[in-house]
Amino acid sequence: MKKIDLYFVKNLLLSFLGALFALTLLLLVNTVFQLMDLLVRKGVSFLTVMKLIAYTLPFIMNMTVPMSFLVAGLLTFGRSAGNNEMLCLRSSGIDLKVILRKLGIVLAIIAFLNLIFNLFILPETNYRLKKTLYEIRLKKPAIEIEPGIFNKIENYLIYAAAKDEKTGTLNDVKIQEIKKDGVRFISARKGKIQSTKGGSLVLELYDGEFLEVKGEKKEQLRRANFKKDVLILRVNEENF
């Protein structure tokens, strides 16, 4: 009886580990391709990218462990039924409930370990992931601006036709700032984005103009040209 129990437990664990590896690898590959863009195009160090991958792994496993439970159960009992092993056990007078009970104990242990993982390890890695991304943004603030599309940062919509990844210089900048009492539109030939120690983003704009509309009925209009203008975007770490 012990050999039969070990046989089913072994099959269940091998199926679980195989499914966990395959599903985790499948989801991780997609994440790796996304993070490689930070390394190749945005100049983030290899070590930092590896840290991001390591911090992302527990989040992925949080999804793949329950799926691996299901896959392992289907594979183990499906294979046994296909090989007529269940029929042989019944013919030998072995109670399948005893085997299922022991398999249930194994699954309960895995579920308990997964619970501990979710309560203590996952929150810590999520925090470190968020902190690392925030530190990247402080070192390379231009990383938040994707050229050719509108980027939303707080109450700003920022568009840049082109961007220099190394210097953070933006070309042909368009900005829409949404306020409580109106809207401001800004256009500049060139801009440069930097970060402060407090976490704010400083956007320096050169050779441009702005159009500001205020009032309840948008009746107030102000327009002006500028050689240089500075926008301070206060971004909280929690909102990153």
C-alpha atoms as a PDB file:
ATOM      1  CA  MET A   1       0.000   0.000   0.000  1.00  0.00           C
ATOM      2  CA  LYS A   2       2.850   2.364   0.808  1.00  0.00           C
ATOM      3  CA  LYS A   3       4.372   1.770  -2.631  1.00  0.00           C
ATOM      4  CA  ILE A   4       1.047   2.626  -4.279  1.00  0.00           C
ATOM      5  CA  ASP A   5       0.755   5.790  -2.181  1.00  0.00           C
ATOM      6  CA  LEU A   6       4.299   6.821  -3.070  1.00  0.00           C
ATOM      7  CA  TYR A   7       3.617   6.089  -6.743  1.00  0.00           C
ATOM      8  CA  PHE A   8       0.625   8.438  -6.870  1.00  0.00           C
ATOM      9  CA  VAL A   9       2.308  11.090  -4.724  1.00  0.00           C
ATOM     10  CA  LYS A  10       5.384  10.961  -6.960  1.00  0.00           C
ATOM     11  CA  ASN A  11       3.279  11.300 -10.125  1.00  0.00           C
ATOM     12  CA  LEU A  12       1.300  14.168  -8.614  1.00  0.00           C
ATOM     13  CA  LEU A  13       4.393  16.083  -7.498  1.00  0.00           C
ATOM     14  CA  LEU A  14       6.217  15.548 -10.795  1.00  0.00           C
ATOM     15  CA  SER A  15       3.155  16.697 -12.738  1.00  0.00           C
ATOM     16  CA  PHE A  16       2.779  19.709 -10.445  1.00  0.00           C
ATOM     17  CA  LEU A  17       6.427  20.736 -10.753  1.00  0.00           C
ATOM     18  CA  GLY A  18       6.407  20.200 -14.519  1.00  0.00           C
ATOM     19  CA  ALA A  19       3.249  22.272 -14.964  1.00  0.00           C
ATOM     20  CA  LEU A  20       4.586  24.961 -12.615  1.00  0.00           C
ATOM     21  CA  PHE A  21       7.839  25.208 -14.563  1.00  0.00           C
ATOM     22  CA  ALA A  22       6.126  25.315 -17.971  1.00  0.00           C
ATOM     23  CA  LEU A  23       3.441  27.857 -17.012  1.00  0.00           C
ATOM     24  CA  THR A  24       5.871  30.088 -15.105  1.00  0.00           C
ATOM     25  CA  LEU A  25       8.360  30.020 -17.973  1.00  0.00           C
ATOM     26  CA  LEU A  26       5.604  30.869 -20.458  1.00  0.00           C
ATOM     27  CA  LEU A  27       4.527  33.969 -18.534  1.00  0.00           C
ATOM     28  CA  LEU A  28       8.075  34.919 -17.585  1.00  0.00           C
ATOM     29  CA  VAL A  29       9.252  34.976 -21.213  1.00  0.00           C
ATOM     30  CA  ASN A  30       6.700  37.679 -22.014  1.00  0.00           C
ATOM     31  CA  THR A  31       7.886  39.740 -19.033  1.00  0.00           C
ATOM     32  CA  VAL A  32      11.541  39.271 -19.989  1.00  0.00           C
ATOM     33  CA  PHE A  33      10.907  40.596 -23.505  1.00  0.00           C
ATOM     34  CA  GLN A  34       9.236  43.691 -22.037  1.00  0.00           C
ATOM     35  CA  LEU A  35      12.074  44.301 -19.573  1.00  0.00           C
ATOM     36  CA  MET A  36      14.741  43.770 -22.246  1.00  0.00           C
ATOM     37  CA  ASP A  37      13.538  47.027 -23.770  1.00  0.00           C
ATOM     38  CA  LEU A  38      14.830  48.788 -20.640  1.00  0.00           C
ATOM     39  CA  LEU A  39      18.240  47.209 -21.173  1.00  0.00           C
ATOM     40  CA  VAL A  40      18.558  47.617 -24.947  1.00  0.00           C
ATOM     41  CA  ARG A  41      16.836  50.931 -25.686  1.00  0.00           C
ATOM     42  CA  LYS A  42      16.643  52.812 -22.407  1.00  0.00           C
ATOM     43  CA  GLY A  43      20.105  52.155 -20.986  1.00  0.00           C
ATOM     44  CA  VAL A  44      19.079  50.491 -17.706  1.00  0.00           C
ATOM     45  CA  SER A  45      21.868  48.319 -16.295  1.00  0.00           C
ATOM     46  CA  PHE A  46      21.827  44.530 -16.737  1.00  0.00           C
ATOM     47  CA  LEU A  47      21.905  43.980 -12.957  1.00  0.00           C
ATOM     48  CA  THR A  48      18.843  46.196 -12.455  1.00  0.00           C
ATOM     49  CA  VAL A  49      16.915  44.349 -15.166  1.00  0.00           C
ATOM     50  CA  MET A  50      17.808  41.010 -13.536  1.00  0.00           C
ATOM     51  CA  LYS A  51      16.522  42.358 -10.216  1.00  0.00           C
ATOM     52  CA  LEU A  52      13.239  43.337 -11.874  1.00  0.00           C
ATOM     53  CA  ILE A  53      12.884  39.848 -13.345  1.00  0.00           C
ATOM     54  CA  ALA A  54      13.583  38.268  -9.939  1.00  0.00           C
ATOM     55  CA  TYR A  55      11.016  40.520  -8.233  1.00  0.00           C
ATOM     56  CA  THR A  56       8.446  39.746 -10.950  1.00  0.00           C
ATOM     57  CA  LEU A  57       8.831  35.976 -10.592  1.00  0.00           C
ATOM     58  CA  PRO A  58       6.879  35.616  -7.288  1.00  0.00           C
ATOM     59  CA  PHE A  59       3.953  37.571  -8.762  1.00  0.00           C
ATOM     60  CA  ILE A  60       3.895  35.201 -11.738  1.00  0.00           C
ATOM     61  CA  MET A  61       4.108  32.137  -9.491  1.00  0.00           C
ATOM     62  CA  ASN A  62       1.171  33.451  -7.504  1.00  0.00           C
ATOM     63  CA  MET A  63      -0.896  32.857 -10.659  1.00  0.00           C
ATOM     64  CA  THR A  64       0.764  29.675 -11.914  1.00  0.00           C
ATOM     65  CA  VAL A  65       0.673  27.655  -8.667  1.00  0.00           C
ATOM     66  CA  PRO A  66      -3.169  27.333  -8.610  1.00  0.00           C
ATOM     67  CA  MET A  67      -3.174  26.513 -12.336  1.00  0.00           C
ATOM     68  CA  SER A  68      -0.486  23.880 -11.750  1.00  0.00           C
ATOM     69  CA  PHE A  69      -2.691  22.309  -9.060  1.00  0.00           C
ATOM     70  CA  LEU A  70      -5.423  21.762 -11.617  1.00  0.00           C
ATOM     71  CA  VAL A  71      -3.090  20.544 -14.364  1.00  0.00           C
ATOM     72  CA  ALA A  72      -1.317  18.113 -12.004  1.00  0.00           C
ATOM     73  CA  GLY A  73      -4.609  16.588 -10.868  1.00  0.00           C
ATOM     74  CA  LEU A  74      -5.865  16.168 -14.424  1.00  0.00           C
ATOM     75  CA  LEU A  75      -2.591  14.647 -15.624  1.00  0.00           C
ATOM     76  CA  THR A  76      -2.182  12.260 -12.682  1.00  0.00           C
ATOM     77  CA  PHE A  77      -5.686  10.837 -12.621  1.00  0.00           C
ATOM     78  CA  GLY A  78      -6.151  11.078 -16.381  1.00  0.00           C
ATOM     79  CA  ARG A  79      -3.000   9.032 -16.965  1.00  0.00           C
ATOM     80  CA  SER A  80      -4.009   6.496 -14.312  1.00  0.00           C
ATOM     81  CA  ALA A  81      -7.469   6.095 -15.790  1.00  0.00           C
ATOM     82  CA  GLY A  82      -6.044   5.773 -19.309  1.00  0.00           C
ATOM     83  CA  ASN A  83      -3.664   3.005 -18.180  1.00  0.00           C
ATOM     84  CA  ASN A  84      -6.494   1.207 -16.338  1.00  0.00           C
ATOM     85  CA  GLU A  85      -4.582   1.615 -13.067  1.00  0.00           C
ATOM     86  CA  MET A  86      -7.730   2.674 -11.209  1.00  0.00           C
ATOM     87  CA  LEU A  87      -9.545  -0.409 -12.453  1.00  0.00           C
ATOM     88  CA  CYS A  88      -6.700  -2.653 -11.312  1.00  0.00           C
ATOM     89  CA  LEU A  89      -6.701  -1.095  -7.844  1.00  0.00           C
ATOM     90  CA  ARG A  90     -10.432  -1.580  -7.464  1.00  0.00           C
ATOM     91  CA  SER A  91     -10.139  -5.182  -8.651  1.00  0.00           C
ATOM     92  CA  SER A  92      -7.464  -5.753  -6.004  1.00  0.00           C
ATOM     93  CA  GLY A  93      -9.807  -4.500  -3.288  1.00  0.00           C
ATOM     94  CA  ILE A  94      -7.839  -1.327  -2.559  1.00  0.00           C
ATOM     95  CA  ASP A  95      -9.964   1.577  -1.349  1.00  0.00           C
ATOM     96  CA  LEU A  96      -9.303   4.588  -3.575  1.00  0.00           C
ATOM     97  CA  LYS A  97     -10.514   6.931  -0.826  1.00  0.00           C
ATOM     98  CA  VAL A  98      -7.392   6.145   1.202  1.00  0.00           C
ATOM     99  CA  ILE A  99      -5.149   7.082  -1.730  1.00  0.00           C
ATOM    100  CA  LEU A 100      -7.145  10.229  -2.457  1.00  0.00           C
ATOM    101  CA  ARG A 101      -6.981  11.195   1.205  1.00  0.00           C
ATOM    102  CA  LYS A 102      -3.189  10.999   1.217  1.00  0.00           C
ATOM    103  CA  LEU A 103      -2.969  12.920  -2.037  1.00  0.00           C
ATOM    104  CA  GLY A 104      -5.247  15.504  -0.454  1.00  0.00           C
ATOM    105  CA  ILE A 105      -2.791  15.847   2.431  1.00  0.00           C
ATOM    106  CA  VAL A 106       0.037  16.518  -0.038  1.00  0.00           C
ATOM    107  CA  LEU A 107      -2.049  19.142  -1.840  1.00  0.00           C
ATOM    108  CA  ALA A 108      -3.021  20.715   1.496  1.00  0.00           C
ATOM    109  CA  ILE A 109       0.666  21.052   2.416  1.00  0.00           C
ATOM    110  CA  ILE A 110       1.398  22.718  -0.927  1.00  0.00           C
ATOM    111  CA  ALA A 111      -1.595  25.024  -0.455  1.00  0.00           C
ATOM    112  CA  PHE A 112      -0.372  25.981   3.034  1.00  0.00           C
ATOM    113  CA  LEU A 113       3.118  26.752   1.717  1.00  0.00           C
ATOM    114  CA  ASN A 114       1.543  28.825  -1.048  1.00  0.00           C
ATOM    115  CA  LEU A 115      -0.454  30.745   1.566  1.00  0.00           C
ATOM    116  CA  ILE A 116       2.725  31.522   3.534  1.00  0.00           C
ATOM    117  CA  PHE A 117       4.346  32.581   0.263  1.00  0.00           C
ATOM    118  CA  ASN A 118       1.478  34.961  -0.545  1.00  0.00           C
ATOM    119  CA  LEU A 119       1.363  36.451   2.951  1.00  0.00           C
ATOM    120  CA  PHE A 120       5.052  37.105   3.529  1.00  0.00           C
ATOM    121  CA  ILE A 121       7.184  36.770   0.393  1.00  0.00           C
ATOM    122  CA  LEU A 122       4.904  38.178  -2.318  1.00  0.00           C
ATOM    123  CA  PRO A 123       4.194  41.554  -0.599  1.00  0.00           C
ATOM    124  CA  GLU A 124       7.918  42.098   0.000  1.00  0.00           C
ATOM    125  CA  THR A 125       8.891  41.371  -3.611  1.00  0.00           C
ATOM    126  CA  ASN A 126       6.051  43.554  -4.917  1.00  0.00           C
ATOM    127  CA  TYR A 127       7.303  46.409  -2.743  1.00  0.00           C
ATOM    128  CA  ARG A 128      10.889  45.953  -3.962  1.00  0.00           C
ATOM    129  CA  LEU A 129       9.708  45.799  -7.571  1.00  0.00           C
ATOM    130  CA  LYS A 130       7.823  49.061  -7.188  1.00  0.00           C
ATOM    131  CA  LYS A 131      10.750  50.680  -5.379  1.00  0.00           C
ATOM    132  CA  THR A 132      13.219  49.605  -8.084  1.00  0.00           C
ATOM    133  CA  LEU A 133      10.981  50.980 -10.842  1.00  0.00           C
ATOM    134  CA  TYR A 134      10.688  54.233  -8.908  1.00  0.00           C
ATOM    135  CA  GLU A 135      14.485  54.456  -8.579  1.00  0.00           C
ATOM    136  CA  ILE A 136      14.851  53.855 -12.322  1.00  0.00           C
ATOM    137  CA  ARG A 137      12.484  56.725 -12.974  1.00  0.00           C
ATOM    138  CA  LEU A 138      14.514  59.030 -10.733  1.00  0.00           C
ATOM    139  CA  LYS A 139      17.754  58.131 -12.541  1.00  0.00           C
ATOM    140  CA  LYS A 140      16.218  58.133 -16.028  1.00  0.00           C
ATOM    141  CA  PRO A 141      13.112  60.345 -15.918  1.00  0.00           C
ATOM    142  CA  ALA A 142      12.753  60.371 -19.707  1.00  0.00           C
ATOM    143  CA  ILE A 143      11.849  56.698 -19.487  1.00  0.00           C
ATOM    144  CA  GLU A 144       8.269  57.760 -18.730  1.00  0.00           C
ATOM    145  CA  ILE A 145       7.872  59.463 -22.108  1.00  0.00           C
ATOM    146  CA  GLU A 146       7.266  57.236 -25.111  1.00  0.00           C
ATOM    147  CA  PRO A 147       7.777  59.163 -28.363  1.00  0.00           C
ATOM    148  CA  GLY A 148       4.956  59.310 -30.870  1.00  0.00           C
ATOM    149  CA  ILE A 149       2.116  58.777 -28.384  1.00  0.00           C
ATOM    150  CA  PHE A 150       0.351  60.774 -25.658  1.00  0.00           C
ATOM    151  CA  ASN A 151       1.734  59.939 -22.209  1.00  0.00           C
ATOM    152  CA  LYS A 152      -0.422  60.613 -19.134  1.00  0.00           C
ATOM    153  CA  ILE A 153       1.481  61.799 -16.053  1.00  0.00           C
ATOM    154  CA  GLU A 154      -0.779  63.005 -13.261  1.00  0.00           C
ATOM    155  CA  ASN A 155      -2.988  65.712 -14.849  1.00  0.00           C
ATOM    156  CA  TYR A 156      -0.736  66.165 -17.893  1.00  0.00           C
ATOM    157  CA  LEU A 157      -0.910  64.651 -21.364  1.00  0.00           C
ATOM    158  CA  ILE A 158       2.557  64.840 -22.911  1.00  0.00           C
ATOM    159  CA  TYR A 159       3.481  64.130 -26.521  1.00  0.00           C
ATOM    160  CA  ALA A 160       6.972  64.174 -28.027  1.00  0.00           C
ATOM    161  CA  ALA A 161       7.744  63.416 -31.652  1.00  0.00           C
ATOM    162  CA  ALA A 162      11.236  62.140 -30.794  1.00  0.00           C
ATOM    163  CA  LYS A 163      13.366  61.468 -27.725  1.00  0.00           C
ATOM    164  CA  ASP A 164      17.059  61.057 -26.959  1.00  0.00           C
ATOM    165  CA  GLU A 165      17.286  58.219 -24.413  1.00  0.00           C
ATOM    166  CA  LYS A 166      20.725  59.225 -23.101  1.00  0.00           C
ATOM    167  CA  THR A 167      20.173  62.952 -22.554  1.00  0.00           C
ATOM    168  CA  GLY A 168      16.411  62.952 -21.957  1.00  0.00           C
ATOM    169  CA  THR A 169      15.920  65.586 -24.669  1.00  0.00           C
ATOM    170  CA  LEU A 170      12.460  65.739 -26.269  1.00  0.00           C
ATOM    171  CA  ASN A 171      11.677  67.224 -29.684  1.00  0.00           C
ATOM    172  CA  ASP A 172       8.425  68.805 -30.897  1.00  0.00           C
ATOM    173  CA  VAL A 173       6.683  68.670 -27.511  1.00  0.00           C
ATOM    174  CA  LYS A 174       2.910  69.051 -27.073  1.00  0.00           C
ATOM    175  CA  ILE A 175       1.358  69.228 -23.597  1.00  0.00           C
ATOM    176  CA  GLN A 176      -2.175  69.467 -22.303  1.00  0.00           C
ATOM    177  CA  GLU A 177      -2.588  70.370 -18.640  1.00  0.00           C
ATOM    178  CA  ILE A 178      -6.032  69.822 -17.150  1.00  0.00           C
ATOM    179  CA  LYS A 179      -6.871  72.105 -14.205  1.00  0.00           C
ATOM    180  CA  LYS A 180      -9.925  72.571 -12.032  1.00  0.00           C
ATOM    181  CA  ASP A 181     -10.603  75.996 -13.505  1.00  0.00           C
ATOM    182  CA  GLY A 182      -9.501  75.404 -17.079  1.00  0.00           C
ATOM    183  CA  VAL A 183      -7.111  73.851 -19.552  1.00  0.00           C
ATOM    184  CA  ARG A 184      -3.637  74.855 -20.716  1.00  0.00           C
ATOM    185  CA  PHE A 185      -2.077  73.810 -24.018  1.00  0.00           C
ATOM    186  CA  ILE A 186       1.685  74.075 -24.458  1.00  0.00           C
ATOM    187  CA  SER A 187       3.766  73.601 -27.576  1.00  0.00           C
ATOM    188  CA  ALA A 188       7.574  73.711 -27.612  1.00  0.00           C
ATOM    189  CA  ARG A 189      10.299  73.012 -30.127  1.00  0.00           C
ATOM    190  CA  LYS A 190      12.443  71.200 -27.586  1.00  0.00           C
ATOM    191  CA  GLY A 191      12.258  69.997 -24.001  1.00  0.00           C
ATOM    192  CA  LYS A 192      14.347  68.215 -21.408  1.00  0.00           C
ATOM    193  CA  ILE A 193      13.054  66.142 -18.515  1.00  0.00           C
ATOM    194  CA  GLN A 194      14.893  65.709 -15.217  1.00  0.00           C
ATOM    195  CA  SER A 195      14.035  64.441 -11.752  1.00  0.00           C
ATOM    196  CA  THR A 196      14.492  65.853  -8.254  1.00  0.00           C
ATOM    197  CA  LYS A 197      15.422  64.071  -5.038  1.00  0.00           C
ATOM    198  CA  GLY A 198      11.866  64.575  -3.843  1.00  0.00           C
ATOM    199  CA  GLY A 199      10.540  62.493  -6.718  1.00  0.00           C
ATOM    200  CA  SER A 200       9.138  65.326  -8.827  1.00  0.00           C
ATOM    201  CA  LEU A 201       9.767  65.550 -12.559  1.00  0.00           C
ATOM    202  CA  VAL A 202      11.078  68.836 -13.951  1.00  0.00           C
ATOM    203  CA  LEU A 203      10.285  69.471 -17.612  1.00  0.00           C
ATOM    204  CA  GLU A 204      12.222  72.331 -19.191  1.00  0.00           C
ATOM    205  CA  LEU A 205      10.658  73.641 -22.418  1.00  0.00           C
ATOM    206  CA  TYR A 206      12.352  75.846 -25.015  1.00  0.00           C
ATOM    207  CA  ASP A 207      11.049  78.048 -27.847  1.00  0.00           C
ATOM    208  CA  GLY A 208       7.330  77.539 -27.532  1.00  0.00           C
ATOM    209  CA  GLU A 209       3.952  79.024 -26.782  1.00  0.00           C
ATOM    210  CA  PHE A 210       1.038  78.287 -24.509  1.00  0.00           C
ATOM    211  CA  LEU A 211      -2.700  78.821 -24.694  1.00  0.00           C
ATOM    212  CA  GLU A 212      -4.670  78.887 -21.441  1.00  0.00           C
ATOM    213  CA  VAL A 213      -8.454  78.781 -21.148  1.00  0.00           C
ATOM    214  CA  LYS A 214     -10.048  79.630 -17.781  1.00  0.00           C
ATOM    215  CA  GLY A 215     -13.402  80.380 -16.216  1.00  0.00           C
ATOM    216  CA  GLU A 216     -16.623  78.483 -15.668  1.00  0.00           C
ATOM    217  CA  LYS A 217     -17.703  79.174 -19.244  1.00  0.00           C
ATOM    218  CA  LYS A 218     -14.142  79.111 -20.601  1.00  0.00           C
ATOM    219  CA  GLU A 219     -14.466  82.829 -21.344  1.00  0.00           C
ATOM    220  CA  GLN A 220     -10.938  83.778 -20.214  1.00  0.00           C
ATOM    221  CA  LEU A 221      -8.230  83.263 -22.795  1.00  0.00           C
ATOM    222  CA  ARG A 222      -4.506  83.873 -22.413  1.00  0.00           C
ATOM    223  CA  ARG A 223      -1.801  83.258 -24.985  1.00  0.00           C
ATOM    224  CA  ALA A 224       1.940  83.909 -24.887  1.00  0.00           C
ATOM    225  CA  ASN A 225       5.271  82.859 -26.345  1.00  0.00           C
ATOM    226  CA  PHE A 226       8.299  81.874 -24.292  1.00  0.00           C
ATOM    227  CA  LYS A 227      11.980  81.158 -24.741  1.00  0.00           C
ATOM    228  CA  LYS A 228      12.084  78.911 -21.713  1.00  0.00           C
ATOM    229  CA  ASP A 229       9.401  77.541 -19.409  1.00  0.00           C
ATOM    230  CA  VAL A 230       9.593  75.045 -16.567  1.00  0.00           C
ATOM    231  CA  LEU A 231       6.909  72.578 -15.533  1.00  0.00           C
ATOM    232  CA  ILE A 232       7.125  70.685 -12.254  1.00  0.00           C
ATOM    233  CA  LEU A 233       5.237  67.396 -12.280  1.00  0.00           C
ATOM    234  CA  ARG A 234       4.762  66.108  -8.762  1.00  0.00           C
ATOM    235  CA  VAL A 235       4.415  62.341  -8.991  1.00  0.00           C
ATOM    236  CA  ASN A 236       3.894  60.279  -5.857  1.00  0.00           C
ATOM    237  CA  GLU A 237       5.723  56.959  -5.503  1.00  0.00           C
ATOM    238  CA  GLU A 238       2.387  55.273  -4.764  1.00  0.00           C
ATOM    239  CA  ASN A 239       1.051  56.388  -8.152  1.00  0.00           C
ATOM    240  CA  PHE A 240       4.006  55.134 -10.110  1.00  0.00           C
END
